Amino acid sequence: MMPQLRSLVALLLVATAVAAVVAVAAAGGGFVVTGRIYCDNCRAGFETNISHAIQGATVEMECRHFESQQVHDKAQATTDAGGWYKMEIGGDHQDEICDVRLLKSPEADCAEIELARDRCRVPLTGNDGIKQSGVRYANPIAFFRKEPLPNCGELLRAYDLYNETSENS
């Protein structure tokens, strides 16, 4: 199966599972947070076509008051075969900063956590203009390989992130 099709199927499965939990979380004034964890095989800082999902990775969400930094809520989740996690967080967190962060990878060769790239901020309040009630999607977060795979140089050159005007400047 093509990687894009696999990702689409995984997304549909997660969406179906989340839909069952959303009604419960929304009724209680809480949220379902879902996201994906992957291995950055090239240490590129973004997903490539040789990145892969990590099953069994552990993530933690922590909500802390933006002034006092006091923790008000915490939850942990483990990723499924597609690298997806979901967790329920009760209540509204308008006065808090909520971050999902990496805790542990089950893959010894892809377990490096790089500071500042190890977390994703997720707004958990009904007072933020987001009409989607009850569900929040976190950006993908990556564990890094200690050493990039041998074919990463060729792969990254194929992305050709530079255009002609930046090369001539």
Protein backbone atom coordinates (compact mmCIF):
# COMPACT_ATOMS: atom_id res chain seq x y z
CA MET A 1 0.00 0.00 0.00
CA MET A 2 1.34 3.44 -0.86
CA PRO A 3 2.48 5.54 2.15
CA GLN A 4 -0.12 8.24 1.40
CA LEU A 5 -2.92 5.69 1.29
CA ARG A 6 -1.70 4.09 4.52
CA SER A 7 -1.70 7.50 6.19
CA LEU A 8 -5.21 8.21 4.91
CA VAL A 9 -6.51 4.86 6.19
CA ALA A 10 -4.84 5.45 9.58
CA LEU A 11 -6.37 8.92 9.77
CA LEU A 12 -9.83 7.56 9.00
CA LEU A 13 -9.46 4.89 11.68
CA VAL A 14 -8.36 7.46 14.25
CA ALA A 15 -11.20 9.79 13.27
CA THR A 16 -13.71 6.99 13.79
CA ALA A 17 -12.26 6.10 17.19
CA VAL A 18 -12.13 9.73 18.26
CA ALA A 19 -15.74 10.31 17.20
CA ALA A 20 -16.89 7.81 19.82
CA VAL A 21 -14.97 9.60 22.57
CA VAL A 22 -15.85 13.13 21.43
CA ALA A 23 -19.46 12.95 22.55
CA VAL A 24 -18.38 11.94 26.06
CA ALA A 25 -15.67 14.62 26.30
CA ALA A 26 -17.84 17.37 24.84
CA ALA A 27 -20.72 16.54 27.16
CA GLY A 28 -18.41 16.88 30.15
CA GLY A 29 -16.85 20.12 28.91
CA GLY A 30 -13.54 18.47 28.10
CA PHE A 31 -11.47 17.72 25.05
CA VAL A 32 -10.00 14.81 23.15
CA VAL A 33 -6.45 15.52 22.02
CA THR A 34 -5.04 13.40 19.21
CA GLY A 35 -1.78 13.50 17.31
CA ARG A 36 0.92 11.42 15.67
CA ILE A 37 4.47 10.45 16.66
CA TYR A 38 7.08 9.50 14.07
CA CYS A 39 10.78 8.75 13.67
CA ASP A 40 12.78 11.40 11.83
CA ASN A 41 15.23 9.05 10.12
CA CYS A 42 17.08 11.94 8.43
CA ARG A 43 17.13 14.43 11.32
CA ALA A 44 15.44 16.82 8.86
CA GLY A 45 13.04 18.40 11.34
CA PHE A 46 10.02 17.44 9.23
CA GLU A 47 8.42 14.26 7.92
CA THR A 48 9.97 12.75 4.82
CA ASN A 49 8.93 9.74 2.79
CA ILE A 50 11.31 7.56 4.82
CA SER A 51 9.98 8.72 8.21
CA HIS A 52 7.94 6.07 9.95
CA ALA A 53 5.27 5.97 12.65
CA ILE A 54 6.33 4.78 16.09
CA GLN A 55 4.05 2.29 17.81
CA GLY A 56 4.20 2.22 21.61
CA ALA A 57 5.67 5.72 22.11
CA THR A 58 4.58 7.52 25.27
CA VAL A 59 3.48 11.15 25.30
CA GLU A 60 2.24 13.40 28.07
CA MET A 61 -0.04 16.41 28.03
CA GLU A 62 0.45 18.97 30.75
CA CYS A 63 -1.68 22.08 31.32
CA ARG A 64 -0.17 24.75 33.56
CA HIS A 65 -1.29 28.24 34.50
CA PHE A 66 0.41 30.78 32.23
CA GLU A 67 1.49 33.04 35.12
CA SER A 68 2.15 30.77 38.11
CA GLN A 69 3.25 27.73 36.02
CA GLN A 70 1.28 25.55 38.46
CA VAL A 71 0.22 22.27 36.82
CA HIS A 72 -3.58 21.91 36.72
CA ASP A 73 -4.03 18.83 34.57
CA LYS A 74 -1.94 15.95 33.21
CA ALA A 75 -2.60 12.95 30.99
CA GLN A 76 -0.51 10.30 29.25
CA ALA A 77 -1.12 8.21 26.15
CA THR A 78 0.61 5.52 24.11
CA THR A 79 0.64 5.42 20.31
CA ASP A 80 -1.03 2.75 18.23
CA ALA A 81 0.38 0.95 15.16
CA GLY A 82 -0.09 4.08 13.03
CA GLY A 83 1.76 6.26 15.53
CA TRP A 84 -1.47 7.94 16.66
CA TYR A 85 -2.38 8.72 20.26
CA LYS A 86 -5.51 10.14 21.84
CA MET A 87 -6.23 11.31 25.35
CA GLU A 88 -9.11 12.94 27.20
CA ILE A 89 -8.61 16.15 29.14
CA GLY A 90 -11.45 17.41 31.32
CA GLY A 91 -12.59 21.00 31.62
CA ASP A 92 -11.72 24.27 29.91
CA HIS A 93 -8.11 25.49 30.12
CA GLN A 94 -8.44 29.10 28.93
CA ASP A 95 -5.93 30.45 31.47
CA GLU A 96 -3.47 27.63 30.92
CA ILE A 97 -0.77 26.59 28.49
CA CYS A 98 -1.23 22.98 27.41
CA ASP A 99 1.58 21.08 25.70
CA VAL A 100 1.91 17.52 24.46
CA ARG A 101 5.50 16.35 24.86
CA LEU A 102 7.49 13.24 24.08
CA LEU A 103 8.36 10.96 26.98
CA LYS A 104 9.66 7.64 25.66
CA SER A 105 10.26 5.78 22.41
CA PRO A 106 10.24 1.98 22.29
CA GLU A 107 12.75 2.10 19.40
CA ALA A 108 16.30 2.26 20.73
CA ASP A 109 17.66 3.47 17.36
CA CYS A 110 15.10 6.30 17.20
CA ALA A 111 14.74 7.61 20.73
CA GLU A 112 16.58 10.93 20.80
CA ILE A 113 14.52 13.83 22.10
CA GLU A 114 15.60 17.22 20.81
CA LEU A 115 14.67 20.13 23.07
CA ALA A 116 12.30 22.69 21.56
CA ARG A 117 11.19 20.05 19.02
CA ASP A 118 9.86 17.66 21.64
CA ARG A 119 6.47 19.28 22.20
CA CYS A 120 3.39 20.75 20.61
CA ARG A 121 1.10 23.42 22.09
CA VAL A 122 -2.62 22.63 21.95
CA PRO A 123 -5.33 25.21 22.81
CA LEU A 124 -7.91 23.63 25.11
CA THR A 125 -10.63 26.21 25.53
CA GLY A 126 -14.03 26.75 24.01
CA ASN A 127 -13.26 30.47 23.88
CA ASP A 128 -10.74 30.45 21.03
CA GLY A 129 -12.81 30.73 17.86
CA ILE A 130 -12.39 27.06 16.94
CA LYS A 131 -15.84 25.75 16.06
CA GLN A 132 -14.84 22.12 16.29
CA SER A 133 -16.17 21.16 19.69
CA GLY A 134 -14.40 18.60 21.79
CA VAL A 135 -11.49 17.56 19.53
CA ARG A 136 -8.07 19.14 19.17
CA TYR A 137 -5.43 17.89 16.73
CA ALA A 138 -1.80 18.28 17.76
CA ASN A 139 0.95 18.65 15.17
CA PRO A 140 3.13 15.58 14.57
CA ILE A 141 6.16 15.27 16.88
CA ALA A 142 9.34 13.32 16.13
CA PHE A 143 11.94 11.28 17.88
CA PHE A 144 15.29 11.52 16.09
CA ARG A 145 17.79 8.88 15.03
CA LYS A 146 21.25 9.42 16.47
CA GLU A 147 22.74 9.09 12.97
CA PRO A 148 20.76 9.72 9.76
CA LEU A 149 20.17 6.81 7.40
CA PRO A 150 22.68 6.55 4.51
CA ASN A 151 20.15 7.56 1.83
CA CYS A 152 19.09 10.78 3.61
CA GLY A 153 21.48 13.07 1.71
CA GLU A 154 20.06 11.97 -1.61
CA LEU A 155 16.50 12.21 -0.33
CA LEU A 156 16.93 15.73 1.04
CA ARG A 157 18.59 16.90 -2.19
CA ALA A 158 15.56 15.55 -4.06
CA TYR A 159 13.33 17.87 -2.01
CA ASP A 160 15.27 20.82 -3.46
CA LEU A 161 14.10 23.32 -0.89
CA TYR A 162 15.99 26.15 -2.57
CA ASN A 163 14.60 28.06 -5.52
CA GLU A 164 16.63 29.80 -8.20
CA THR A 165 16.17 33.29 -6.73
CA SER A 166 17.60 32.31 -3.34
CA GLU A 167 20.62 30.68 -5.00
CA ASN A 168 21.33 33.82 -7.06
CA SER A 169 21.01 36.23 -4.12
